Amino acid sequence: MLHLIKLSVGPESLADLQGWQQQRLAERRQRGLPAEINHITRQMPKRTTELLDGGSIYWVIKGWLCARQPLLDLRAVTIDGVPHCALVLAPELVRVVPRRHRPFQGWRYLQASDAPRDLPPGTEPGQGDEALARELSALGLL
């Protein structure tokens, strides 16, 4: 299994990312498009079989890798005559044990062995608790 890791540019928090995705989902429905969450990226990953075998996209927000979303499909799309890739994502954002991550452009592959583990059920921080989760993670308590 293989994953992708991507910076989420714009959202200040995981709640912001979720809000943006829900807004785009509503816009797609209004336009009569399939009700699915897509993230458009310039490059098509070459290792699609490994990614679609249970892979996720891991989101880095404000320098912290904090959540993942399962990948459902990778589709070639053309925008203004230029080829792109639509990453089709599951609607749920799964919180992971937060860890710092340096900035980078585009996306990168992430080996399953290097991916942070999901937060156990019932331990997910609520809205606004992301800073606390980062501190606890930095102290090795989460």
C-alpha atoms as a PDB file:
ATOM      1  CA  MET A   1       0.000   0.000   0.000  1.00  0.00           C
ATOM      2  CA  LEU A   2       1.172   3.494  -0.842  1.00  0.00           C
ATOM      3  CA  HIS A   3      -0.130   6.950   0.080  1.00  0.00           C
ATOM      4  CA  LEU A   4       0.211  10.539  -1.102  1.00  0.00           C
ATOM      5  CA  ILE A   5       1.090  13.514   1.077  1.00  0.00           C
ATOM      6  CA  LYS A   6      -0.047  17.015   0.085  1.00  0.00           C
ATOM      7  CA  LEU A   7       0.043  20.517   1.536  1.00  0.00           C
ATOM      8  CA  SER A   8      -3.400  21.997   2.010  1.00  0.00           C
ATOM      9  CA  VAL A   9      -2.872  25.615   0.982  1.00  0.00           C
ATOM     10  CA  GLY A  10      -5.449  28.077   2.276  1.00  0.00           C
ATOM     11  CA  PRO A  11      -7.234  26.314   5.120  1.00  0.00           C
ATOM     12  CA  GLU A  12      -6.100  27.348   8.588  1.00  0.00           C
ATOM     13  CA  SER A  13      -7.349  24.151  10.218  1.00  0.00           C
ATOM     14  CA  LEU A  14      -8.778  20.741   9.522  1.00  0.00           C
ATOM     15  CA  ALA A  15     -12.263  22.191  10.064  1.00  0.00           C
ATOM     16  CA  ASP A  16     -11.525  24.780   7.349  1.00  0.00           C
ATOM     17  CA  LEU A  17     -10.438  22.039   4.922  1.00  0.00           C
ATOM     18  CA  GLN A  18     -13.606  20.099   5.650  1.00  0.00           C
ATOM     19  CA  GLY A  19     -15.710  23.237   5.134  1.00  0.00           C
ATOM     20  CA  TRP A  20     -14.040  23.978   1.799  1.00  0.00           C
ATOM     21  CA  GLN A  21     -14.627  20.425   0.620  1.00  0.00           C
ATOM     22  CA  GLN A  22     -18.288  20.516   1.646  1.00  0.00           C
ATOM     23  CA  GLN A  23     -18.759  23.837  -0.175  1.00  0.00           C
ATOM     24  CA  ARG A  24     -17.218  22.442  -3.361  1.00  0.00           C
ATOM     25  CA  LEU A  25     -19.374  19.330  -3.016  1.00  0.00           C
ATOM     26  CA  ALA A  26     -22.511  21.505  -2.800  1.00  0.00           C
ATOM     27  CA  GLU A  27     -21.388  23.476  -5.880  1.00  0.00           C
ATOM     28  CA  ARG A  28     -20.894  20.226  -7.834  1.00  0.00           C
ATOM     29  CA  ARG A  29     -24.408  19.108  -6.914  1.00  0.00           C
ATOM     30  CA  GLN A  30     -25.864  22.446  -8.056  1.00  0.00           C
ATOM     31  CA  ARG A  31     -24.132  22.072 -11.420  1.00  0.00           C
ATOM     32  CA  GLY A  32     -25.439  18.516 -11.811  1.00  0.00           C
ATOM     33  CA  LEU A  33     -22.005  16.936 -11.485  1.00  0.00           C
ATOM     34  CA  PRO A  34     -21.378  13.725  -9.545  1.00  0.00           C
ATOM     35  CA  ALA A  35     -21.458  14.277  -5.776  1.00  0.00           C
ATOM     36  CA  GLU A  36     -17.824  13.457  -5.096  1.00  0.00           C
ATOM     37  CA  ILE A  37     -14.886  15.262  -3.553  1.00  0.00           C
ATOM     38  CA  ASN A  38     -12.115  15.899  -6.055  1.00  0.00           C
ATOM     39  CA  HIS A  39      -8.728  17.498  -5.630  1.00  0.00           C
ATOM     40  CA  ILE A  40      -7.127  18.527  -8.912  1.00  0.00           C
ATOM     41  CA  THR A  41      -3.360  18.271  -9.229  1.00  0.00           C
ATOM     42  CA  ARG A  42      -1.102  18.836 -12.196  1.00  0.00           C
ATOM     43  CA  GLN A  43       0.664  15.466 -12.284  1.00  0.00           C
ATOM     44  CA  MET A  44      -0.858  11.998 -12.562  1.00  0.00           C
ATOM     45  CA  PRO A  45       0.812   9.588 -10.118  1.00  0.00           C
ATOM     46  CA  LYS A  46       2.560   6.728 -11.884  1.00  0.00           C
ATOM     47  CA  ARG A  47       1.970   4.205  -9.075  1.00  0.00           C
ATOM     48  CA  THR A  48      -1.837   4.197  -9.332  1.00  0.00           C
ATOM     49  CA  THR A  49      -2.309   0.494  -8.592  1.00  0.00           C
ATOM     50  CA  GLU A  50      -0.496   0.798  -5.249  1.00  0.00           C
ATOM     51  CA  LEU A  51      -2.329   4.021  -4.360  1.00  0.00           C
ATOM     52  CA  LEU A  52      -5.759   2.574  -5.091  1.00  0.00           C
ATOM     53  CA  ASP A  53      -5.025  -0.525  -3.001  1.00  0.00           C
ATOM     54  CA  GLY A  54      -6.137   1.158   0.238  1.00  0.00           C
ATOM     55  CA  GLY A  55      -4.065   4.336  -0.069  1.00  0.00           C
ATOM     56  CA  SER A  56      -4.971   7.758   1.300  1.00  0.00           C
ATOM     57  CA  ILE A  57      -3.964  11.348   0.801  1.00  0.00           C
ATOM     58  CA  TYR A  58      -2.367  12.751   3.955  1.00  0.00           C
ATOM     59  CA  TRP A  59      -2.985  16.465   4.492  1.00  0.00           C
ATOM     60  CA  VAL A  60      -0.387  18.884   5.860  1.00  0.00           C
ATOM     61  CA  ILE A  61      -2.042  22.009   7.270  1.00  0.00           C
ATOM     62  CA  LYS A  62       0.009  24.914   8.637  1.00  0.00           C
ATOM     63  CA  GLY A  63       3.143  22.750   8.900  1.00  0.00           C
ATOM     64  CA  TRP A  64       1.410  19.780  10.572  1.00  0.00           C
ATOM     65  CA  LEU A  65       0.473  16.459   9.006  1.00  0.00           C
ATOM     66  CA  CYS A  66      -2.894  16.028  10.715  1.00  0.00           C
ATOM     67  CA  ALA A  67      -5.393  13.960   8.699  1.00  0.00           C
ATOM     68  CA  ARG A  68      -5.891  11.566   5.853  1.00  0.00           C
ATOM     69  CA  GLN A  69      -8.616  10.880   3.309  1.00  0.00           C
ATOM     70  CA  PRO A  70      -8.918   7.538   1.522  1.00  0.00           C
ATOM     71  CA  LEU A  71      -8.292   7.668  -2.232  1.00  0.00           C
ATOM     72  CA  LEU A  72     -11.190   6.263  -4.260  1.00  0.00           C
ATOM     73  CA  ASP A  73      -9.963   6.925  -7.793  1.00  0.00           C
ATOM     74  CA  LEU A  74      -7.419   8.790  -9.913  1.00  0.00           C
ATOM     75  CA  ARG A  75      -8.790  10.291 -13.121  1.00  0.00           C
ATOM     76  CA  ALA A  76      -7.100  12.000 -16.010  1.00  0.00           C
ATOM     77  CA  VAL A  77      -8.786  15.339 -16.720  1.00  0.00           C
ATOM     78  CA  THR A  78      -7.984  18.172 -19.107  1.00  0.00           C
ATOM     79  CA  ILE A  79      -8.241  21.806 -18.021  1.00  0.00           C
ATOM     80  CA  ASP A  80      -7.763  24.477 -20.683  1.00  0.00           C
ATOM     81  CA  GLY A  81      -6.058  21.905 -22.887  1.00  0.00           C
ATOM     82  CA  VAL A  82      -3.578  20.904 -20.163  1.00  0.00           C
ATOM     83  CA  PRO A  83      -3.630  17.388 -18.655  1.00  0.00           C
ATOM     84  CA  HIS A  84      -4.251  17.142 -14.915  1.00  0.00           C
ATOM     85  CA  CYS A  85      -5.256  14.480 -12.395  1.00  0.00           C
ATOM     86  CA  ALA A  86      -8.441  14.460 -10.309  1.00  0.00           C
ATOM     87  CA  LEU A  87      -7.869  12.705  -6.998  1.00  0.00           C
ATOM     88  CA  VAL A  88     -11.286  11.363  -5.998  1.00  0.00           C
ATOM     89  CA  LEU A  89     -11.475  11.312  -2.202  1.00  0.00           C
ATOM     90  CA  ALA A  90     -13.704   9.617   0.332  1.00  0.00           C
ATOM     91  CA  PRO A  91     -15.852  12.171   2.177  1.00  0.00           C
ATOM     92  CA  GLU A  92     -14.470  11.400   5.638  1.00  0.00           C
ATOM     93  CA  LEU A  93     -11.355  13.056   7.039  1.00  0.00           C
ATOM     94  CA  VAL A  94      -9.575  10.695   9.439  1.00  0.00           C
ATOM     95  CA  ARG A  95      -7.478  12.429  12.096  1.00  0.00           C
ATOM     96  CA  VAL A  96      -3.989  11.052  12.585  1.00  0.00           C
ATOM     97  CA  VAL A  97      -1.403  11.596  15.290  1.00  0.00           C
ATOM     98  CA  PRO A  98      -0.142  15.049  14.275  1.00  0.00           C
ATOM     99  CA  ARG A  99       3.490  15.573  13.379  1.00  0.00           C
ATOM    100  CA  ARG A 100       5.468  18.448  11.955  1.00  0.00           C
ATOM    101  CA  HIS A 101       6.187  18.447   8.250  1.00  0.00           C
ATOM    102  CA  ARG A 102       8.275  20.826   6.192  1.00  0.00           C
ATOM    103  CA  PRO A 103       6.794  22.670   3.201  1.00  0.00           C
ATOM    104  CA  PHE A 104       7.067  21.205  -0.304  1.00  0.00           C
ATOM    105  CA  GLN A 105       5.435  21.725  -3.680  1.00  0.00           C
ATOM    106  CA  GLY A 106       2.962  19.383  -5.286  1.00  0.00           C
ATOM    107  CA  TRP A 107       2.465  15.966  -3.728  1.00  0.00           C
ATOM    108  CA  ARG A 108       4.842  13.226  -2.660  1.00  0.00           C
ATOM    109  CA  TYR A 109       4.543   9.498  -2.207  1.00  0.00           C
ATOM    110  CA  LEU A 110       4.339   8.346   1.411  1.00  0.00           C
ATOM    111  CA  GLN A 111       5.218   4.759   2.289  1.00  0.00           C
ATOM    112  CA  ALA A 112       2.679   3.054   4.550  1.00  0.00           C
ATOM    113  CA  SER A 113       5.465   2.351   7.060  1.00  0.00           C
ATOM    114  CA  ASP A 114       6.165   6.115   7.334  1.00  0.00           C
ATOM    115  CA  ALA A 115       2.518   7.190   7.687  1.00  0.00           C
ATOM    116  CA  PRO A 116       1.310   8.387  11.090  1.00  0.00           C
ATOM    117  CA  ARG A 117      -1.226   6.189  12.790  1.00  0.00           C
ATOM    118  CA  ASP A 118      -4.881   7.139  13.073  1.00  0.00           C
ATOM    119  CA  LEU A 119      -5.971   8.638  16.363  1.00  0.00           C
ATOM    120  CA  PRO A 120      -7.873   5.991  18.351  1.00  0.00           C
ATOM    121  CA  PRO A 121     -11.672   6.408  18.411  1.00  0.00           C
ATOM    122  CA  GLY A 122     -12.768   8.689  21.214  1.00  0.00           C
ATOM    123  CA  THR A 123      -9.427  10.515  21.413  1.00  0.00           C
ATOM    124  CA  GLU A 124      -9.927  12.808  18.462  1.00  0.00           C
ATOM    125  CA  PRO A 125      -9.637  16.432  19.542  1.00  0.00           C
ATOM    126  CA  GLY A 126     -12.735  18.539  19.026  1.00  0.00           C
ATOM    127  CA  GLN A 127     -13.004  21.765  17.079  1.00  0.00           C
ATOM    128  CA  GLY A 128     -10.222  24.127  18.138  1.00  0.00           C
ATOM    129  CA  ASP A 129      -8.228  21.417  19.933  1.00  0.00           C
ATOM    130  CA  GLU A 130      -5.710  20.972  17.111  1.00  0.00           C
ATOM    131  CA  ALA A 131      -3.067  23.114  18.849  1.00  0.00           C
ATOM    132  CA  LEU A 132      -3.385  20.966  21.971  1.00  0.00           C
ATOM    133  CA  ALA A 133      -3.064  17.773  19.919  1.00  0.00           C
ATOM    134  CA  ARG A 134       0.118  19.148  18.309  1.00  0.00           C
ATOM    135  CA  GLU A 135       1.610  19.970  21.703  1.00  0.00           C
ATOM    136  CA  LEU A 136       0.747  16.537  23.085  1.00  0.00           C
ATOM    137  CA  SER A 137       2.237  14.892  20.013  1.00  0.00           C
ATOM    138  CA  ALA A 138       5.441  16.942  20.334  1.00  0.00           C
ATOM    139  CA  LEU A 139       5.726  15.794  23.964  1.00  0.00           C
ATOM    140  CA  GLY A 140       5.210  12.157  22.950  1.00  0.00           C
ATOM    141  CA  LEU A 141       1.928  11.918  24.852  1.00  0.00           C
ATOM    142  CA  LEU A 142      -0.275  11.280  21.854  1.00  0.00           C
END
